[in-house]
């Protein structure tokens, strides 16, 4: 990632954070109602982010970067909060996260990003025994979960401002909370529970 790209990311999300801080302050001073402002004007955040993506698109080499749990590669830079081969542990303040789980003995874990999209590919993940749990959380950004194919799973998704899509079903509105559970989940000796919580952002299971 180029230096100018990093500075652009920091400026964009920095402005968003400052804007939220100002709104909270004005709400505390009773100048305006934070809830009314957010409910009326939150789509402007998406417009701002969308315009930025059009004006400053990601280069191909940036989009390609990802972590694979079960086949880990590590550049050696940044904090030592990387995932192990069987345990997911990803945490970012600003930036996108893309993780693919390939281990046959997945123990669960967590992924969080204060501002940024998160893609967790669980299609090749397997659990040997018991119920393992994956927590995915963040403040602003979309979450995409590639559904497990090797283990029964349950998804519990919550988003305050955003939509939830579970396969072909889409749920729109404010403060969405949906649960999907495989038919054989409760009786399965090995299963995976996925919990997603976002304040602003869409949640997609596909």
N, C-alpha and C. Protein backbone atom coordinates (compact mmCIF):
# COMPACT_ATOMS: atom_id res chain seq x y z
N UNK A 1 0.84 -1.19 0.00
CA UNK A 1 0.00 0.00 0.00
C UNK A 1 0.88 1.24 0.00
N UNK A 2 0.58 2.17 -0.87
CA UNK A 2 1.40 3.36 -0.99
C UNK A 2 1.19 4.29 0.19
N UNK A 3 2.18 5.20 0.37
CA UNK A 3 2.09 6.16 1.48
C UNK A 3 0.88 7.07 1.31
N UNK A 4 0.59 7.48 0.07
CA UNK A 4 -0.55 8.35 -0.17
C UNK A 4 -1.86 7.64 0.12
N UNK A 5 -1.88 6.32 -0.16
CA UNK A 5 -3.09 5.54 0.12
C UNK A 5 -3.35 5.45 1.62
N UNK A 6 -2.28 5.22 2.37
CA UNK A 6 -2.42 5.14 3.83
C UNK A 6 -2.93 6.46 4.38
N UNK A 7 -2.34 7.58 3.90
CA UNK A 7 -2.77 8.89 4.36
C UNK A 7 -4.23 9.15 3.99
N UNK A 8 -4.64 8.69 2.80
CA UNK A 8 -6.03 8.86 2.38
C UNK A 8 -6.98 8.10 3.28
N UNK A 9 -6.61 6.87 3.64
CA UNK A 9 -7.45 6.08 4.56
C UNK A 9 -7.60 6.78 5.90
N UNK A 10 -6.47 7.25 6.44
CA UNK A 10 -6.51 7.91 7.75
C UNK A 10 -7.35 9.17 7.71
N UNK A 11 -7.22 9.94 6.64
CA UNK A 11 -7.98 11.18 6.55
C UNK A 11 -9.48 10.89 6.44
N UNK A 12 -9.85 9.91 5.61
CA UNK A 12 -11.26 9.59 5.41
C UNK A 12 -11.93 9.18 6.71
N UNK A 13 -11.34 8.16 7.34
CA UNK A 13 -11.95 7.65 8.57
C UNK A 13 -11.76 8.63 9.73
N UNK A 14 -10.68 9.40 9.68
CA UNK A 14 -10.51 10.42 10.70
C UNK A 14 -11.62 11.46 10.65
N UNK A 15 -12.00 11.87 9.45
CA UNK A 15 -13.08 12.84 9.29
C UNK A 15 -14.40 12.27 9.77
N UNK A 16 -14.64 10.98 9.50
CA UNK A 16 -15.88 10.35 9.95
C UNK A 16 -15.95 10.31 11.47
N UNK A 17 -14.82 9.93 12.09
CA UNK A 17 -14.78 9.87 13.56
C UNK A 17 -14.98 11.25 14.16
N UNK A 18 -14.32 12.27 13.57
CA UNK A 18 -14.49 13.64 14.06
C UNK A 18 -15.95 14.07 13.93
N UNK A 19 -16.58 13.72 12.81
CA UNK A 19 -17.98 14.10 12.60
C UNK A 19 -18.88 13.49 13.66
N UNK A 20 -18.66 12.21 13.97
CA UNK A 20 -19.45 11.57 15.01
C UNK A 20 -19.20 12.22 16.37
N UNK A 21 -17.95 12.56 16.63
CA UNK A 21 -17.62 13.21 17.89
C UNK A 21 -18.32 14.54 18.04
N UNK A 22 -18.35 15.33 16.95
CA UNK A 22 -19.03 16.63 16.98
C UNK A 22 -20.52 16.44 17.21
N UNK A 23 -21.12 15.43 16.56
CA UNK A 23 -22.55 15.19 16.74
C UNK A 23 -22.88 14.80 18.18
N UNK A 24 -22.04 13.94 18.76
CA UNK A 24 -22.23 13.56 20.16
C UNK A 24 -22.14 14.79 21.08
N UNK A 25 -21.15 15.66 20.79
CA UNK A 25 -20.97 16.86 21.61
C UNK A 25 -22.18 17.78 21.51
N UNK A 26 -22.66 18.01 20.29
CA UNK A 26 -23.82 18.88 20.10
C UNK A 26 -25.06 18.28 20.74
N UNK A 27 -25.15 16.95 20.74
CA UNK A 27 -26.27 16.30 21.41
C UNK A 27 -26.21 16.52 22.92
N UNK A 28 -25.02 16.40 23.48
CA UNK A 28 -24.85 16.63 24.92
C UNK A 28 -25.16 18.07 25.31
N UNK A 29 -24.88 19.00 24.39
CA UNK A 29 -25.15 20.41 24.64
C UNK A 29 -26.59 20.78 24.30
N UNK A 30 -27.38 19.77 23.88
CA UNK A 30 -28.78 19.96 23.52
C UNK A 30 -28.97 20.92 22.35
N UNK A 31 -27.98 20.96 21.48
CA UNK A 31 -28.10 21.77 20.26
C UNK A 31 -28.91 21.02 19.21
N UNK A 32 -28.74 19.71 19.17
CA UNK A 32 -29.48 18.87 18.24
C UNK A 32 -29.65 17.49 18.86
N UNK A 33 -30.49 16.68 18.23
CA UNK A 33 -30.73 15.31 18.70
C UNK A 33 -29.92 14.35 17.83
N UNK A 34 -28.95 13.68 18.46
CA UNK A 34 -28.06 12.79 17.70
C UNK A 34 -28.84 11.70 16.98
N UNK A 35 -29.81 11.10 17.66
CA UNK A 35 -30.59 10.02 17.05
C UNK A 35 -31.31 10.46 15.80
N UNK A 36 -31.91 11.67 15.84
CA UNK A 36 -32.63 12.17 14.67
C UNK A 36 -31.68 12.43 13.50
N UNK A 37 -30.52 13.01 13.82
CA UNK A 37 -29.55 13.30 12.76
C UNK A 37 -29.07 12.02 12.09
N UNK A 38 -28.72 11.01 12.91
CA UNK A 38 -28.22 9.75 12.36
C UNK A 38 -29.29 9.06 11.53
N UNK A 39 -30.52 8.99 12.06
CA UNK A 39 -31.59 8.30 11.34
C UNK A 39 -31.93 8.99 10.02
N UNK A 40 -31.78 10.31 9.95
CA UNK A 40 -32.12 11.04 8.73
C UNK A 40 -30.98 11.10 7.72
N UNK A 41 -29.74 11.20 8.23
CA UNK A 41 -28.63 11.50 7.32
C UNK A 41 -27.55 10.43 7.24
N UNK A 42 -27.76 9.25 7.90
CA UNK A 42 -26.69 8.25 7.85
C UNK A 42 -26.33 7.78 6.44
N UNK A 43 -27.27 7.80 5.46
CA UNK A 43 -26.85 7.40 4.10
C UNK A 43 -25.74 8.26 3.52
N UNK A 44 -25.56 9.48 4.06
CA UNK A 44 -24.47 10.33 3.56
C UNK A 44 -23.11 9.70 3.83
N UNK A 45 -23.02 8.90 4.90
CA UNK A 45 -21.77 8.19 5.17
C UNK A 45 -21.45 7.24 4.03
N UNK A 46 -22.48 6.51 3.57
CA UNK A 46 -22.27 5.58 2.46
C UNK A 46 -21.92 6.33 1.18
N UNK A 47 -22.58 7.48 0.97
CA UNK A 47 -22.26 8.29 -0.22
C UNK A 47 -20.80 8.74 -0.17
N UNK A 48 -20.36 9.19 0.99
CA UNK A 48 -18.99 9.66 1.16
C UNK A 48 -17.99 8.53 0.90
N UNK A 49 -18.26 7.36 1.50
CA UNK A 49 -17.36 6.22 1.32
C UNK A 49 -17.36 5.75 -0.13
N UNK A 50 -18.56 5.73 -0.75
CA UNK A 50 -18.65 5.31 -2.15
C UNK A 50 -17.90 6.23 -3.09
N UNK A 51 -18.03 7.54 -2.87
CA UNK A 51 -17.31 8.50 -3.71
C UNK A 51 -15.81 8.34 -3.55
N UNK A 52 -15.39 8.08 -2.32
CA UNK A 52 -13.95 7.90 -2.09
C UNK A 52 -13.43 6.66 -2.81
N UNK A 53 -14.25 5.57 -2.81
CA UNK A 53 -13.84 4.34 -3.50
C UNK A 53 -13.74 4.56 -5.00
N UNK A 54 -14.62 5.42 -5.54
CA UNK A 54 -14.58 5.70 -6.98
C UNK A 54 -13.37 6.56 -7.33
N UNK A 55 -13.13 7.58 -6.50
CA UNK A 55 -12.02 8.50 -6.78
C UNK A 55 -10.68 7.87 -6.50
N UNK A 56 -10.62 7.05 -5.43
CA UNK A 56 -9.36 6.41 -5.04
C UNK A 56 -9.55 4.89 -4.98
N UNK A 57 -9.70 4.22 -6.13
CA UNK A 57 -9.91 2.76 -6.12
C UNK A 57 -8.67 2.03 -5.62
N UNK A 58 -8.90 0.86 -5.01
CA UNK A 58 -7.78 0.04 -4.55
C UNK A 58 -7.06 -0.59 -5.73
N UNK A 59 -5.75 -0.65 -5.61
CA UNK A 59 -4.98 -1.33 -6.63
C UNK A 59 -5.15 -2.82 -6.47
N UNK A 60 -4.88 -3.58 -7.54
CA UNK A 60 -5.09 -5.02 -7.53
C UNK A 60 -4.28 -5.71 -6.45
N UNK A 61 -3.04 -5.24 -6.22
CA UNK A 61 -2.20 -5.89 -5.22
C UNK A 61 -2.72 -5.68 -3.82
N UNK A 62 -3.47 -4.58 -3.59
CA UNK A 62 -4.04 -4.33 -2.28
C UNK A 62 -5.23 -5.25 -2.04
N UNK A 63 -6.06 -5.45 -3.09
CA UNK A 63 -7.24 -6.29 -2.96
C UNK A 63 -6.85 -7.74 -2.74
N UNK A 64 -5.73 -8.16 -3.30
CA UNK A 64 -5.34 -9.57 -3.25
C UNK A 64 -4.86 -10.01 -1.88
N UNK A 65 -4.43 -9.11 -1.02
CA UNK A 65 -3.85 -9.49 0.25
C UNK A 65 -4.87 -10.09 1.19
N UNK A 66 -4.54 -11.24 1.80
CA UNK A 66 -5.43 -11.89 2.75
C UNK A 66 -4.65 -12.83 3.63
N UNK A 67 -5.27 -13.26 4.70
CA UNK A 67 -4.67 -14.23 5.61
C UNK A 67 -5.42 -15.54 5.49
N UNK A 68 -4.72 -16.65 5.47
CA UNK A 68 -5.35 -17.95 5.46
C UNK A 68 -5.01 -18.68 6.74
N UNK A 69 -6.04 -19.01 7.52
CA UNK A 69 -5.83 -19.78 8.73
C UNK A 69 -5.74 -21.25 8.33
N UNK A 70 -4.63 -21.87 8.64
CA UNK A 70 -4.37 -23.22 8.19
C UNK A 70 -3.26 -23.24 7.15
N UNK A 71 -3.02 -22.09 6.58
CA UNK A 71 -1.90 -21.93 5.64
C UNK A 71 -1.41 -20.50 5.78
N UNK A 72 -0.87 -20.18 6.96
CA UNK A 72 -0.57 -18.80 7.33
C UNK A 72 0.65 -18.27 6.60
N UNK A 73 0.50 -17.05 6.11
CA UNK A 73 1.66 -16.30 5.62
C UNK A 73 1.70 -15.00 6.38
N UNK A 74 2.87 -14.56 6.77
CA UNK A 74 2.99 -13.35 7.58
C UNK A 74 4.18 -12.55 7.09
N UNK A 75 3.93 -11.28 6.78
CA UNK A 75 5.00 -10.44 6.26
C UNK A 75 5.99 -10.04 7.34
N UNK A 76 5.60 -10.22 8.60
CA UNK A 76 6.49 -9.85 9.71
C UNK A 76 6.33 -8.42 10.16
N UNK A 77 5.45 -7.65 9.53
CA UNK A 77 5.24 -6.26 9.94
C UNK A 77 3.95 -6.16 10.73
N UNK A 78 3.84 -5.11 11.53
CA UNK A 78 2.61 -4.88 12.27
C UNK A 78 2.60 -5.63 13.58
N UNK A 79 1.54 -5.44 14.38
CA UNK A 79 1.44 -6.06 15.70
C UNK A 79 1.28 -7.56 15.61
N UNK A 80 1.67 -8.27 16.68
CA UNK A 80 1.63 -9.73 16.67
C UNK A 80 0.28 -10.22 17.14
N UNK A 81 -0.78 -9.90 16.37
CA UNK A 81 -2.11 -10.35 16.72
C UNK A 81 -2.67 -11.24 15.62
N UNK A 82 -1.78 -11.90 14.91
CA UNK A 82 -2.18 -12.71 13.78
C UNK A 82 -2.83 -14.01 14.23
N UNK A 83 -3.53 -14.65 13.30
CA UNK A 83 -4.19 -15.90 13.60
C UNK A 83 -3.20 -17.05 13.63
N UNK A 84 -3.46 -18.02 14.49
CA UNK A 84 -2.68 -19.25 14.47
C UNK A 84 -3.32 -20.17 13.44
N UNK A 85 -2.79 -21.37 13.30
CA UNK A 85 -3.34 -22.28 12.30
C UNK A 85 -4.75 -22.75 12.66
N UNK A 86 -5.10 -22.77 13.94
CA UNK A 86 -6.42 -23.27 14.33
C UNK A 86 -7.28 -22.24 15.04
N UNK A 87 -6.73 -21.08 15.31
CA UNK A 87 -7.46 -20.08 16.08
C UNK A 87 -7.43 -18.73 15.38
N UNK A 88 -8.62 -18.17 15.14
CA UNK A 88 -8.74 -16.87 14.48
C UNK A 88 -8.53 -15.75 15.49
N UNK A 89 -7.62 -14.83 15.16
CA UNK A 89 -7.38 -13.68 16.03
C UNK A 89 -6.92 -12.51 15.16
N UNK A 90 -7.89 -11.73 14.70
CA UNK A 90 -7.60 -10.59 13.84
C UNK A 90 -8.20 -9.33 14.45
N UNK A 91 -7.41 -8.27 14.55
CA UNK A 91 -7.90 -7.03 15.14
C UNK A 91 -7.27 -5.84 14.43
N UNK A 92 -8.11 -4.93 13.95
CA UNK A 92 -7.63 -3.73 13.28
C UNK A 92 -8.45 -2.53 13.74
N UNK A 93 -7.81 -1.38 13.77
CA UNK A 93 -8.54 -0.14 14.07
C UNK A 93 -9.13 0.43 12.78
N UNK A 94 -8.30 0.58 11.76
CA UNK A 94 -8.76 1.04 10.46
C UNK A 94 -8.18 0.14 9.38
N UNK A 95 -9.03 -0.39 8.53
CA UNK A 95 -8.56 -1.24 7.44
C UNK A 95 -9.44 -2.46 7.27
N UNK A 96 -9.41 -3.02 6.06
CA UNK A 96 -10.21 -4.20 5.74
C UNK A 96 -9.51 -5.47 6.22
N UNK A 97 -10.31 -6.48 6.49
CA UNK A 97 -9.81 -7.79 6.91
C UNK A 97 -10.35 -8.86 5.98
N UNK A 98 -9.48 -9.73 5.50
CA UNK A 98 -9.90 -10.85 4.66
C UNK A 98 -9.19 -12.10 5.15
N UNK A 99 -9.97 -13.06 5.64
CA UNK A 99 -9.41 -14.27 6.24
C UNK A 99 -10.08 -15.49 5.65
N UNK A 100 -9.29 -16.49 5.32
CA UNK A 100 -9.83 -17.77 4.84
C UNK A 100 -9.41 -18.88 5.79
N UNK A 101 -10.38 -19.62 6.30
CA UNK A 101 -10.12 -20.70 7.24
C UNK A 101 -10.01 -22.01 6.47
N UNK A 102 -8.89 -22.70 6.59
CA UNK A 102 -8.70 -23.94 5.85
C UNK A 102 -8.36 -25.13 6.75
N UNK A 103 -8.25 -24.91 8.04
CA UNK A 103 -7.87 -25.99 8.94
C UNK A 103 -9.02 -26.97 9.17
N UNK A 104 -8.68 -28.24 9.44
CA UNK A 104 -9.68 -29.26 9.75
C UNK A 104 -9.98 -29.34 11.24
N UNK A 105 -9.29 -28.52 12.05
CA UNK A 105 -9.51 -28.53 13.50
C UNK A 105 -9.62 -27.09 13.99
N UNK A 106 -10.63 -26.40 13.48
CA UNK A 106 -10.81 -24.99 13.80
C UNK A 106 -11.35 -24.85 15.23
N UNK A 107 -10.73 -23.94 15.99
CA UNK A 107 -11.09 -23.75 17.39
C UNK A 107 -11.90 -22.48 17.62
N UNK A 108 -12.22 -21.75 16.54
CA UNK A 108 -12.97 -20.51 16.70
C UNK A 108 -12.05 -19.33 16.90
N UNK A 109 -12.59 -18.24 17.45
CA UNK A 109 -11.79 -17.04 17.67
C UNK A 109 -12.59 -15.79 17.38
N UNK A 110 -11.88 -14.72 17.02
CA UNK A 110 -12.56 -13.44 16.81
C UNK A 110 -11.85 -12.61 15.75
N UNK A 111 -12.64 -11.73 15.12
CA UNK A 111 -12.11 -10.75 14.17
C UNK A 111 -12.85 -9.44 14.43
N UNK A 112 -12.10 -8.35 14.52
CA UNK A 112 -12.72 -7.06 14.78
C UNK A 112 -12.02 -5.97 14.00
N UNK A 113 -12.80 -4.99 13.57
CA UNK A 113 -12.26 -3.83 12.87
C UNK A 113 -13.16 -2.65 13.21
N UNK A 114 -12.58 -1.63 13.85
CA UNK A 114 -13.38 -0.47 14.22
C UNK A 114 -13.97 0.18 12.98
N UNK A 115 -13.15 0.38 11.96
CA UNK A 115 -13.62 0.92 10.69
C UNK A 115 -13.00 0.10 9.57
N UNK A 116 -13.82 -0.61 8.83
CA UNK A 116 -13.31 -1.42 7.73
C UNK A 116 -14.22 -2.62 7.46
N UNK A 117 -14.15 -3.12 6.25
CA UNK A 117 -14.92 -4.31 5.87
C UNK A 117 -14.21 -5.57 6.35
N UNK A 118 -15.01 -6.61 6.60
CA UNK A 118 -14.46 -7.87 7.06
C UNK A 118 -15.05 -9.02 6.23
N UNK A 119 -14.19 -9.83 5.65
CA UNK A 119 -14.62 -11.01 4.90
C UNK A 119 -14.00 -12.23 5.57
N UNK A 120 -14.85 -13.08 6.11
CA UNK A 120 -14.40 -14.30 6.78
C UNK A 120 -14.89 -15.49 5.96
N UNK A 121 -13.95 -16.19 5.33
CA UNK A 121 -14.28 -17.34 4.48
C UNK A 121 -14.18 -18.62 5.31
N UNK A 122 -15.33 -19.18 5.63
CA UNK A 122 -15.39 -20.40 6.44
C UNK A 122 -15.79 -21.62 5.63
N UNK A 123 -15.78 -21.48 4.31
CA UNK A 123 -16.28 -22.54 3.45
C UNK A 123 -15.49 -23.84 3.58
N UNK A 124 -14.21 -23.76 3.92
CA UNK A 124 -13.39 -24.96 4.03
C UNK A 124 -13.05 -25.30 5.48
N UNK A 125 -13.66 -24.60 6.43
CA UNK A 125 -13.37 -24.85 7.84
C UNK A 125 -14.07 -26.11 8.32
N UNK A 126 -13.43 -26.83 9.22
CA UNK A 126 -14.01 -28.02 9.83
C UNK A 126 -13.72 -28.01 11.32
N UNK A 127 -14.64 -28.57 12.10
CA UNK A 127 -14.50 -28.67 13.55
C UNK A 127 -14.51 -30.14 13.92
N UNK A 128 -13.57 -30.56 14.77
CA UNK A 128 -13.49 -31.97 15.13
C UNK A 128 -14.51 -32.38 16.18
N UNK A 129 -14.73 -31.53 17.17
CA UNK A 129 -15.69 -31.89 18.22
C UNK A 129 -16.15 -30.65 18.96
N UNK A 130 -17.36 -30.73 19.53
CA UNK A 130 -17.90 -29.66 20.34
C UNK A 130 -18.39 -28.47 19.53
N UNK A 131 -18.80 -27.42 20.25
CA UNK A 131 -19.26 -26.19 19.61
C UNK A 131 -18.16 -25.14 19.69
N UNK A 132 -17.71 -24.66 18.54
CA UNK A 132 -16.72 -23.59 18.48
C UNK A 132 -17.43 -22.30 18.08
N UNK A 133 -16.89 -21.18 18.54
CA UNK A 133 -17.55 -19.90 18.34
C UNK A 133 -16.62 -18.91 17.65
N UNK A 134 -17.16 -18.18 16.67
CA UNK A 134 -16.45 -17.11 15.99
C UNK A 134 -17.20 -15.80 16.24
N UNK A 135 -16.49 -14.80 16.76
CA UNK A 135 -17.07 -13.48 16.98
C UNK A 135 -16.51 -12.52 15.94
N UNK A 136 -17.39 -11.82 15.22
CA UNK A 136 -16.99 -10.80 14.25
C UNK A 136 -17.69 -9.51 14.63
N UNK A 137 -16.91 -8.44 14.85
CA UNK A 137 -17.51 -7.21 15.32
C UNK A 137 -16.82 -5.99 14.71
N UNK A 138 -17.49 -4.84 14.81
CA UNK A 138 -16.91 -3.60 14.31
C UNK A 138 -17.90 -2.47 14.41
N UNK A 139 -17.41 -1.26 14.17
CA UNK A 139 -18.26 -0.07 14.27
C UNK A 139 -18.81 0.32 12.89
N UNK A 140 -17.93 0.53 11.91
CA UNK A 140 -18.36 0.91 10.57
C UNK A 140 -17.73 -0.06 9.57
N UNK A 141 -18.54 -0.66 8.70
CA UNK A 141 -18.02 -1.55 7.67
C UNK A 141 -18.92 -2.75 7.48
N UNK A 142 -18.84 -3.34 6.31
CA UNK A 142 -19.65 -4.51 5.99
C UNK A 142 -18.95 -5.79 6.42
N UNK A 143 -19.76 -6.82 6.66
CA UNK A 143 -19.25 -8.15 6.99
C UNK A 143 -19.80 -9.15 5.97
N UNK A 144 -18.90 -9.94 5.40
CA UNK A 144 -19.31 -11.03 4.50
C UNK A 144 -18.78 -12.33 5.07
N UNK A 145 -19.67 -13.30 5.23
CA UNK A 145 -19.30 -14.61 5.75
C UNK A 145 -19.55 -15.63 4.65
N UNK A 146 -18.50 -16.33 4.24
CA UNK A 146 -18.67 -17.45 3.32
C UNK A 146 -19.05 -18.67 4.16
N UNK A 147 -20.23 -19.21 3.91
CA UNK A 147 -20.81 -20.23 4.78
C UNK A 147 -19.98 -21.51 4.82
N UNK A 148 -19.86 -22.11 6.00
CA UNK A 148 -19.15 -23.39 6.13
C UNK A 148 -19.86 -24.49 5.34
N UNK A 149 -19.09 -25.34 4.71
CA UNK A 149 -19.63 -26.46 3.96
C UNK A 149 -19.34 -27.81 4.61
N UNK A 150 -18.41 -27.80 5.59
CA UNK A 150 -17.98 -29.06 6.19
C UNK A 150 -18.50 -29.28 7.60
N UNK A 151 -19.23 -28.32 8.14
CA UNK A 151 -19.68 -28.42 9.52
C UNK A 151 -21.02 -27.68 9.67
N UNK A 152 -21.97 -28.23 10.43
CA UNK A 152 -23.22 -27.51 10.69
C UNK A 152 -22.93 -26.21 11.44
N UNK A 153 -23.68 -25.17 11.11
CA UNK A 153 -23.38 -23.87 11.73
C UNK A 153 -24.65 -23.08 12.03
N UNK A 154 -24.47 -22.10 12.90
CA UNK A 154 -25.54 -21.15 13.22
C UNK A 154 -24.97 -19.75 13.12
N UNK A 155 -25.73 -18.84 12.54
CA UNK A 155 -25.34 -17.43 12.44
C UNK A 155 -26.29 -16.58 13.26
N UNK A 156 -25.72 -15.74 14.12
CA UNK A 156 -26.49 -14.73 14.85
C UNK A 156 -25.94 -13.38 14.43
N UNK A 157 -26.73 -12.61 13.69
CA UNK A 157 -26.26 -11.36 13.10
C UNK A 157 -27.04 -10.17 13.64
N UNK A 158 -26.32 -9.12 14.00
CA UNK A 158 -26.94 -7.88 14.50
C UNK A 158 -26.27 -6.68 13.84
N UNK A 159 -27.08 -5.74 13.36
CA UNK A 159 -26.55 -4.49 12.85
C UNK A 159 -27.56 -3.39 13.16
N UNK A 160 -27.06 -2.25 13.64
CA UNK A 160 -27.94 -1.15 14.00
C UNK A 160 -28.40 -0.39 12.77
N UNK A 161 -27.46 -0.05 11.91
CA UNK A 161 -27.78 0.67 10.67
C UNK A 161 -27.22 -0.14 9.51
N UNK A 162 -28.07 -0.85 8.82
CA UNK A 162 -27.62 -1.68 7.72
C UNK A 162 -28.58 -2.83 7.47
N UNK A 163 -28.30 -3.59 6.42
CA UNK A 163 -29.14 -4.71 6.03
C UNK A 163 -28.47 -6.03 6.38
N UNK A 164 -29.27 -7.07 6.47
CA UNK A 164 -28.76 -8.42 6.68
C UNK A 164 -29.24 -9.29 5.52
N UNK A 165 -28.31 -9.95 4.87
CA UNK A 165 -28.67 -10.87 3.79
C UNK A 165 -28.20 -12.27 4.18
N UNK A 166 -29.12 -13.21 4.20
CA UNK A 166 -28.81 -14.61 4.49
C UNK A 166 -29.18 -15.43 3.27
N UNK A 167 -28.16 -15.80 2.52
CA UNK A 167 -28.34 -16.46 1.23
C UNK A 167 -29.24 -15.60 0.34
N UNK A 168 -30.44 -16.08 -0.01
CA UNK A 168 -31.29 -15.32 -0.93
C UNK A 168 -32.28 -14.40 -0.23
N UNK A 169 -32.23 -14.37 1.08
CA UNK A 169 -33.18 -13.55 1.84
C UNK A 169 -32.49 -12.28 2.34
N UNK A 170 -33.13 -11.13 2.11
CA UNK A 170 -32.58 -9.86 2.52
C UNK A 170 -33.54 -9.16 3.47
N UNK A 171 -32.98 -8.65 4.58
CA UNK A 171 -33.78 -7.98 5.60
C UNK A 171 -33.27 -6.54 5.73
N UNK A 172 -34.16 -5.58 5.46
CA UNK A 172 -33.79 -4.18 5.48
C UNK A 172 -34.44 -3.47 6.65
N UNK A 173 -33.84 -2.38 7.07
CA UNK A 173 -34.43 -1.59 8.13
C UNK A 173 -33.43 -1.21 9.19
N UNK A 174 -33.95 -0.69 10.28
CA UNK A 174 -33.12 -0.19 11.38
C UNK A 174 -33.08 -1.22 12.50
N UNK A 175 -31.90 -1.40 13.08
CA UNK A 175 -31.71 -2.32 14.21
C UNK A 175 -32.16 -3.74 13.85
N UNK A 176 -31.49 -4.30 12.86
CA UNK A 176 -31.81 -5.66 12.41
C UNK A 176 -31.10 -6.71 13.26
N UNK A 177 -31.80 -7.81 13.53
CA UNK A 177 -31.23 -8.94 14.27
C UNK A 177 -31.84 -10.21 13.71
N UNK A 178 -31.00 -11.08 13.16
CA UNK A 178 -31.48 -12.31 12.53
C UNK A 178 -30.62 -13.50 12.95
N UNK A 179 -31.26 -14.67 12.98
CA UNK A 179 -30.56 -15.90 13.31
C UNK A 179 -30.85 -16.95 12.25
N UNK A 180 -29.79 -17.60 11.79
CA UNK A 180 -29.93 -18.73 10.87
C UNK A 180 -29.28 -19.94 11.52
N UNK A 181 -29.99 -21.09 11.48
CA UNK A 181 -29.44 -22.30 12.08
C UNK A 181 -29.69 -23.48 11.16
N UNK A 182 -28.63 -24.23 10.88
CA UNK A 182 -28.76 -25.43 10.06
C UNK A 182 -29.67 -26.43 10.75
N UNK A 183 -30.39 -27.22 9.95
CA UNK A 183 -31.37 -28.15 10.50
C UNK A 183 -30.75 -29.17 11.46
N UNK A 184 -29.52 -29.56 11.19
CA UNK A 184 -28.87 -30.59 12.02
C UNK A 184 -27.92 -30.00 13.05
N UNK A 185 -28.03 -28.70 13.31
CA UNK A 185 -27.08 -28.03 14.20
C UNK A 185 -27.14 -28.56 15.63
N UNK A 186 -28.33 -28.62 16.21
CA UNK A 186 -28.45 -28.97 17.62
C UNK A 186 -27.95 -30.37 17.94
N UNK A 187 -28.13 -31.29 17.01
CA UNK A 187 -27.74 -32.68 17.26
C UNK A 187 -26.32 -32.99 16.83
N UNK A 188 -25.67 -32.05 16.16
CA UNK A 188 -24.33 -32.32 15.62
C UNK A 188 -23.29 -32.39 16.74
N UNK A 189 -22.41 -33.40 16.72
CA UNK A 189 -21.35 -33.50 17.73
C UNK A 189 -20.26 -32.45 17.54
N UNK A 190 -20.16 -31.90 16.33
CA UNK A 190 -19.22 -30.82 16.03
C UNK A 190 -19.97 -29.75 15.25
N UNK A 191 -19.89 -28.50 15.73
CA UNK A 191 -20.66 -27.44 15.08
C UNK A 191 -19.97 -26.10 15.31
N UNK A 192 -20.40 -25.10 14.52
CA UNK A 192 -19.76 -23.79 14.56
C UNK A 192 -20.83 -22.71 14.72
N UNK A 193 -20.64 -21.86 15.73
CA UNK A 193 -21.55 -20.73 15.94
C UNK A 193 -20.84 -19.44 15.55
N UNK A 194 -21.49 -18.66 14.70
CA UNK A 194 -20.92 -17.42 14.18
C UNK A 194 -21.75 -16.25 14.70
N UNK A 195 -21.13 -15.34 15.43
CA UNK A 195 -21.82 -14.18 15.98
C UNK A 195 -21.25 -12.91 15.37
N UNK A 196 -22.11 -12.13 14.74
CA UNK A 196 -21.69 -10.90 14.05
C UNK A 196 -22.42 -9.72 14.67
N UNK A 197 -21.67 -8.68 14.99
CA UNK A 197 -22.25 -7.47 15.55
C UNK A 197 -21.61 -6.24 14.91
N UNK A 198 -22.45 -5.41 14.27
CA UNK A 198 -21.99 -4.18 13.63
C UNK A 198 -22.91 -3.03 14.01
N UNK A 199 -22.33 -1.84 14.09
CA UNK A 199 -23.16 -0.65 14.32
C UNK A 199 -23.64 -0.09 12.99
N UNK A 200 -22.73 0.17 12.07
CA UNK A 200 -23.09 0.65 10.74
C UNK A 200 -22.46 -0.29 9.72
N UNK A 201 -23.29 -0.98 8.94
CA UNK A 201 -22.76 -1.87 7.92
C UNK A 201 -23.71 -3.02 7.63
N UNK A 202 -23.59 -3.58 6.45
CA UNK A 202 -24.38 -4.74 6.06
C UNK A 202 -23.71 -6.03 6.48
N UNK A 203 -24.52 -7.04 6.75
CA UNK A 203 -24.02 -8.38 7.08
C UNK A 203 -24.56 -9.35 6.02
N UNK A 204 -23.65 -10.08 5.40
CA UNK A 204 -24.04 -11.01 4.33
C UNK A 204 -23.51 -12.40 4.61
N UNK A 205 -24.38 -13.40 4.52
CA UNK A 205 -23.98 -14.81 4.59
C UNK A 205 -24.26 -15.40 3.22
N UNK A 206 -23.23 -15.97 2.62
CA UNK A 206 -23.41 -16.53 1.28
C UNK A 206 -22.52 -17.76 1.09
